[in-house]
Amino acid sequence: MSYYSIADKCSLLKKINNSIDLTTLLNLFGEQIEKLALLDGYLINLVDTTGSALISLKVHFTDEFQFLEETYAGYRVELEAEVPNLSAKAFLAQKTIQADIANASGEVKKLLGLWKLEGIAAIPLMAHEEGEPGKPVAKACGTLVLLKQHGAIDDDALRIFDELISLFHAPL
């Protein structure tokens, strides 16, 4: 079942199509993420022109760390098979990777503790066939990293974000 009604999708697609540049589009994407009120922060990362790194182009941290947003804007994560970064792993695997305080280990557990999070997920920015989240219709152009301070990020929330991503994927 869809979270967005057909009317909501049409209205949002009209706004997306009227976005004149990448910054406007990323701001609209960020507004829609925040409007859902399902998490405490996010990063929108797009692959660079060489395909060798993800670059954080839109950053919204939890309240305590918002002073670092400008510092992390433009942050590069190299796309190497052995990199411990969740975003790079999700991009390379072309699938959502998530962790929470109960199941995380190693670098991810340290990351959760450092950023005072209980849940994190990295979702590839790619469209899926309607009703089939495991069937991508195009290669990812980046990742959306979700940050949650209290509790894990549940499957229902991930489905909603997949639906939102499917609306923004092509213009990104």
C-alpha atoms as a PDB file:
ATOM      1  CA  MET A   1       0.000   0.000   0.000  1.00  0.00           C
ATOM      2  CA  SER A   2       1.260   3.456  -0.912  1.00  0.00           C
ATOM      3  CA  TYR A   3       1.905   6.131   1.675  1.00  0.00           C
ATOM      4  CA  TYR A   4       1.410   8.930  -0.866  1.00  0.00           C
ATOM      5  CA  SER A   5      -1.947   9.374  -2.592  1.00  0.00           C
ATOM      6  CA  ILE A   6      -2.036   9.869  -6.353  1.00  0.00           C
ATOM      7  CA  ALA A   7      -2.906  13.536  -5.772  1.00  0.00           C
ATOM      8  CA  ASP A   8       0.068  13.930  -3.393  1.00  0.00           C
ATOM      9  CA  LYS A   9       2.393  12.304  -5.925  1.00  0.00           C
ATOM     10  CA  CYS A  10       1.136  14.544  -8.737  1.00  0.00           C
ATOM     11  CA  SER A  11       1.567  17.667  -6.611  1.00  0.00           C
ATOM     12  CA  LEU A  12       5.063  16.648  -5.548  1.00  0.00           C
ATOM     13  CA  LEU A  13       6.078  15.671  -9.100  1.00  0.00           C
ATOM     14  CA  LYS A  14       4.958  19.105 -10.296  1.00  0.00           C
ATOM     15  CA  LYS A  15       7.226  20.726  -7.680  1.00  0.00           C
ATOM     16  CA  ILE A  16      10.084  18.394  -8.643  1.00  0.00           C
ATOM     17  CA  ASN A  17       9.686  19.224 -12.349  1.00  0.00           C
ATOM     18  CA  ASN A  18       9.656  22.955 -11.561  1.00  0.00           C
ATOM     19  CA  SER A  19      12.949  22.718  -9.650  1.00  0.00           C
ATOM     20  CA  ILE A  20      15.424  24.735 -11.686  1.00  0.00           C
ATOM     21  CA  ASP A  21      18.673  23.435 -10.224  1.00  0.00           C
ATOM     22  CA  LEU A  22      20.146  20.707  -8.058  1.00  0.00           C
ATOM     23  CA  THR A  23      20.172  22.828  -4.888  1.00  0.00           C
ATOM     24  CA  THR A  24      16.451  23.576  -5.222  1.00  0.00           C
ATOM     25  CA  LEU A  25      15.734  19.898  -5.856  1.00  0.00           C
ATOM     26  CA  LEU A  26      17.794  18.784  -2.847  1.00  0.00           C
ATOM     27  CA  ASN A  27      16.064  21.367  -0.646  1.00  0.00           C
ATOM     28  CA  LEU A  28      12.665  20.071  -1.775  1.00  0.00           C
ATOM     29  CA  PHE A  29      13.770  16.475  -1.110  1.00  0.00           C
ATOM     30  CA  GLY A  30      14.973  17.513   2.351  1.00  0.00           C
ATOM     31  CA  GLU A  31      11.686  19.305   3.101  1.00  0.00           C
ATOM     32  CA  GLN A  32       9.752  16.165   2.198  1.00  0.00           C
ATOM     33  CA  ILE A  33      11.993  13.993   4.401  1.00  0.00           C
ATOM     34  CA  GLU A  34      11.548  16.365   7.332  1.00  0.00           C
ATOM     35  CA  LYS A  35       7.781  16.620   6.771  1.00  0.00           C
ATOM     36  CA  LEU A  36       7.484  12.848   7.350  1.00  0.00           C
ATOM     37  CA  ALA A  37       8.844  13.346  10.905  1.00  0.00           C
ATOM     38  CA  LEU A  38      10.073   9.732  11.051  1.00  0.00           C
ATOM     39  CA  LEU A  39      13.694  10.445  12.014  1.00  0.00           C
ATOM     40  CA  ASP A  40      16.053  12.994  13.488  1.00  0.00           C
ATOM     41  CA  GLY A  41      18.529  13.636  10.685  1.00  0.00           C
ATOM     42  CA  TYR A  42      19.652  12.633   7.211  1.00  0.00           C
ATOM     43  CA  LEU A  43      22.340  13.006   4.563  1.00  0.00           C
ATOM     44  CA  ILE A  44      21.736  13.027   0.828  1.00  0.00           C
ATOM     45  CA  ASN A  45      24.830  11.775  -0.981  1.00  0.00           C
ATOM     46  CA  LEU A  46      25.264  11.762  -4.747  1.00  0.00           C
ATOM     47  CA  VAL A  47      27.911   9.916  -6.711  1.00  0.00           C
ATOM     48  CA  ASP A  48      30.583  12.145  -8.234  1.00  0.00           C
ATOM     49  CA  THR A  49      31.098  12.441 -11.982  1.00  0.00           C
ATOM     50  CA  THR A  50      33.862   9.824 -11.979  1.00  0.00           C
ATOM     51  CA  GLY A  51      31.743   7.284 -10.077  1.00  0.00           C
ATOM     52  CA  SER A  52      34.501   6.851  -7.495  1.00  0.00           C
ATOM     53  CA  ALA A  53      32.987   8.632  -4.486  1.00  0.00           C
ATOM     54  CA  LEU A  54      29.780   9.738  -2.805  1.00  0.00           C
ATOM     55  CA  ILE A  55      29.526  13.415  -1.908  1.00  0.00           C
ATOM     56  CA  SER A  56      27.250  14.714   0.868  1.00  0.00           C
ATOM     57  CA  LEU A  57      25.269  17.467  -0.839  1.00  0.00           C
ATOM     58  CA  LYS A  58      22.454  17.907   1.695  1.00  0.00           C
ATOM     59  CA  VAL A  59      23.091  17.418   5.407  1.00  0.00           C
ATOM     60  CA  HIS A  60      20.610  17.684   8.267  1.00  0.00           C
ATOM     61  CA  PHE A  61      21.974  16.407  11.576  1.00  0.00           C
ATOM     62  CA  THR A  62      20.231  15.890  14.887  1.00  0.00           C
ATOM     63  CA  ASP A  63      19.735  19.076  16.922  1.00  0.00           C
ATOM     64  CA  GLU A  64      22.862  18.543  19.020  1.00  0.00           C
ATOM     65  CA  PHE A  65      25.108  18.297  15.959  1.00  0.00           C
ATOM     66  CA  GLN A  66      23.523  20.823  13.572  1.00  0.00           C
ATOM     67  CA  PHE A  67      26.519  23.115  14.046  1.00  0.00           C
ATOM     68  CA  LEU A  68      28.523  20.557  12.021  1.00  0.00           C
ATOM     69  CA  GLU A  69      26.260  20.577   8.945  1.00  0.00           C
ATOM     70  CA  GLU A  70      28.389  23.012   6.933  1.00  0.00           C
ATOM     71  CA  THR A  71      31.510  21.040   7.841  1.00  0.00           C
ATOM     72  CA  TYR A  72      30.020  17.824   6.446  1.00  0.00           C
ATOM     73  CA  ALA A  73      28.483  19.406   3.331  1.00  0.00           C
ATOM     74  CA  GLY A  74      30.722  18.278   0.487  1.00  0.00           C
ATOM     75  CA  TYR A  75      32.189  15.372   2.491  1.00  0.00           C
ATOM     76  CA  ARG A  76      33.517  12.609   0.196  1.00  0.00           C
ATOM     77  CA  VAL A  77      33.289   8.889   0.826  1.00  0.00           C
ATOM     78  CA  GLU A  78      35.400   6.794  -1.523  1.00  0.00           C
ATOM     79  CA  LEU A  79      33.564   3.874  -3.116  1.00  0.00           C
ATOM     80  CA  GLU A  80      35.891   1.021  -2.294  1.00  0.00           C
ATOM     81  CA  ALA A  81      34.771  -2.526  -1.565  1.00  0.00           C
ATOM     82  CA  GLU A  82      36.369  -2.672   1.886  1.00  0.00           C
ATOM     83  CA  VAL A  83      35.329   0.760   3.143  1.00  0.00           C
ATOM     84  CA  PRO A  84      33.437   0.475   6.471  1.00  0.00           C
ATOM     85  CA  ASN A  85      31.082   3.367   5.590  1.00  0.00           C
ATOM     86  CA  LEU A  86      27.401   2.289   5.578  1.00  0.00           C
ATOM     87  CA  SER A  87      26.544   4.667   2.742  1.00  0.00           C
ATOM     88  CA  ALA A  88      29.283   3.307   0.484  1.00  0.00           C
ATOM     89  CA  LYS A  89      28.274  -0.272   1.303  1.00  0.00           C
ATOM     90  CA  ALA A  90      24.619   0.414   0.453  1.00  0.00           C
ATOM     91  CA  PHE A  91      25.593   2.112  -2.808  1.00  0.00           C
ATOM     92  CA  LEU A  92      27.954  -0.660  -3.876  1.00  0.00           C
ATOM     93  CA  ALA A  93      25.501  -3.429  -2.907  1.00  0.00           C
ATOM     94  CA  GLN A  94      22.553  -1.499  -4.404  1.00  0.00           C
ATOM     95  CA  LYS A  95      20.455  -2.347  -1.346  1.00  0.00           C
ATOM     96  CA  THR A  96      19.426  -0.795   1.940  1.00  0.00           C
ATOM     97  CA  ILE A  97      21.759  -1.406   4.843  1.00  0.00           C
ATOM     98  CA  GLN A  98      20.624  -0.593   8.332  1.00  0.00           C
ATOM     99  CA  ALA A  99      21.823  -1.031  11.871  1.00  0.00           C
ATOM    100  CA  ASP A 100      20.632  -0.219  15.333  1.00  0.00           C
ATOM    101  CA  ILE A 101      22.227  -0.081  18.729  1.00  0.00           C
ATOM    102  CA  ALA A 102      21.179  -3.689  19.453  1.00  0.00           C
ATOM    103  CA  ASN A 103      22.695  -5.325  16.339  1.00  0.00           C
ATOM    104  CA  ALA A 104      25.575  -3.045  15.352  1.00  0.00           C
ATOM    105  CA  SER A 105      29.202  -4.003  15.723  1.00  0.00           C
ATOM    106  CA  GLY A 106      32.633  -2.530  15.085  1.00  0.00           C
ATOM    107  CA  GLU A 107      32.785   0.785  13.247  1.00  0.00           C
ATOM    108  CA  VAL A 108      29.004   1.123  13.002  1.00  0.00           C
ATOM    109  CA  LYS A 109      28.551   0.692  16.756  1.00  0.00           C
ATOM    110  CA  LYS A 110      31.218   3.382  17.323  1.00  0.00           C
ATOM    111  CA  LEU A 111      29.445   5.659  14.852  1.00  0.00           C
ATOM    112  CA  LEU A 112      26.093   5.215  16.598  1.00  0.00           C
ATOM    113  CA  GLY A 113      27.681   6.026  19.960  1.00  0.00           C
ATOM    114  CA  LEU A 114      29.588   9.041  18.655  1.00  0.00           C
ATOM    115  CA  TRP A 115      26.507  10.594  17.039  1.00  0.00           C
ATOM    116  CA  LYS A 116      24.195   9.509  19.907  1.00  0.00           C
ATOM    117  CA  LEU A 117      21.979   7.458  17.612  1.00  0.00           C
ATOM    118  CA  GLU A 118      20.019   4.265  18.132  1.00  0.00           C
ATOM    119  CA  GLY A 119      19.273   3.646  14.459  1.00  0.00           C
ATOM    120  CA  ILE A 120      20.870   4.334  11.084  1.00  0.00           C
ATOM    121  CA  ALA A 121      20.031   3.235   7.548  1.00  0.00           C
ATOM    122  CA  ALA A 122      21.577   3.921   4.151  1.00  0.00           C
ATOM    123  CA  ILE A 123      19.205   3.591   1.195  1.00  0.00           C
ATOM    124  CA  PRO A 124      20.453   3.666  -2.414  1.00  0.00           C
ATOM    125  CA  LEU A 125      18.788   6.422  -4.428  1.00  0.00           C
ATOM    126  CA  MET A 126      17.197   4.296  -7.116  1.00  0.00           C
ATOM    127  CA  ALA A 127      13.714   3.659  -8.383  1.00  0.00           C
ATOM    128  CA  HIS A 128      12.027   0.297  -7.910  1.00  0.00           C
ATOM    129  CA  GLU A 129       9.195  -1.384  -9.725  1.00  0.00           C
ATOM    130  CA  GLU A 130       5.869  -0.406  -8.188  1.00  0.00           C
ATOM    131  CA  GLY A 131       5.160  -2.660  -5.207  1.00  0.00           C
ATOM    132  CA  GLU A 132       8.485  -4.500  -5.544  1.00  0.00           C
ATOM    133  CA  PRO A 133      11.182  -2.790  -3.453  1.00  0.00           C
ATOM    134  CA  GLY A 134      13.737  -5.482  -4.300  1.00  0.00           C
ATOM    135  CA  LYS A 135      13.485  -4.883  -8.072  1.00  0.00           C
ATOM    136  CA  PRO A 136      15.420  -1.759  -9.085  1.00  0.00           C
ATOM    137  CA  VAL A 137      14.651  -0.216 -12.474  1.00  0.00           C
ATOM    138  CA  ALA A 138      17.835   1.880 -12.614  1.00  0.00           C
ATOM    139  CA  LYS A 139      21.278   2.051 -11.016  1.00  0.00           C
ATOM    140  CA  ALA A 140      21.599   4.185  -7.884  1.00  0.00           C
ATOM    141  CA  CYS A 141      22.735   7.803  -8.242  1.00  0.00           C
ATOM    142  CA  GLY A 142      23.634   8.114  -4.551  1.00  0.00           C
ATOM    143  CA  THR A 143      22.319   7.301  -1.081  1.00  0.00           C
ATOM    144  CA  LEU A 144      19.988   8.650   1.551  1.00  0.00           C
ATOM    145  CA  VAL A 145      21.313   8.108   5.079  1.00  0.00           C
ATOM    146  CA  LEU A 146      18.679   8.165   7.829  1.00  0.00           C
ATOM    147  CA  LEU A 147      19.586   9.007  11.429  1.00  0.00           C
ATOM    148  CA  LYS A 148      17.368   8.182  14.402  1.00  0.00           C
ATOM    149  CA  GLN A 149      18.133   8.974  18.019  1.00  0.00           C
ATOM    150  CA  HIS A 150      15.483   6.842  19.709  1.00  0.00           C
ATOM    151  CA  GLY A 151      14.693   3.328  18.496  1.00  0.00           C
ATOM    152  CA  ALA A 152      15.419   1.476  15.304  1.00  0.00           C
ATOM    153  CA  ILE A 153      14.273   2.557  11.840  1.00  0.00           C
ATOM    154  CA  ASP A 154      11.410   0.180  11.070  1.00  0.00           C
ATOM    155  CA  ASP A 155      10.428  -1.474   7.785  1.00  0.00           C
ATOM    156  CA  ASP A 156       7.338   0.728   7.357  1.00  0.00           C
ATOM    157  CA  ALA A 157       9.509   3.852   7.483  1.00  0.00           C
ATOM    158  CA  LEU A 158      11.937   2.325   4.957  1.00  0.00           C
ATOM    159  CA  ARG A 159       9.029   1.597   2.573  1.00  0.00           C
ATOM    160  CA  ILE A 160       7.874   5.225   2.832  1.00  0.00           C
ATOM    161  CA  PHE A 161      11.387   6.486   2.072  1.00  0.00           C
ATOM    162  CA  ASP A 162      11.663   4.075  -0.893  1.00  0.00           C
ATOM    163  CA  GLU A 163       8.429   5.552  -2.241  1.00  0.00           C
ATOM    164  CA  LEU A 164       9.730   9.103  -1.797  1.00  0.00           C
ATOM    165  CA  ILE A 165      13.053   8.203  -3.421  1.00  0.00           C
ATOM    166  CA  SER A 166      11.241   6.776  -6.443  1.00  0.00           C
ATOM    167  CA  LEU A 167       9.751  10.250  -7.060  1.00  0.00           C
ATOM    168  CA  PHE A 168      13.109  12.054  -6.803  1.00  0.00           C
ATOM    169  CA  HIS A 169      15.430   9.487  -8.410  1.00  0.00           C
ATOM    170  CA  ALA A 170      15.155  10.457 -12.084  1.00  0.00           C
ATOM    171  CA  PRO A 171      15.770  14.207 -11.702  1.00  0.00           C
ATOM    172  CA  LEU A 172      18.699  13.625  -9.316  1.00  0.00           C
END
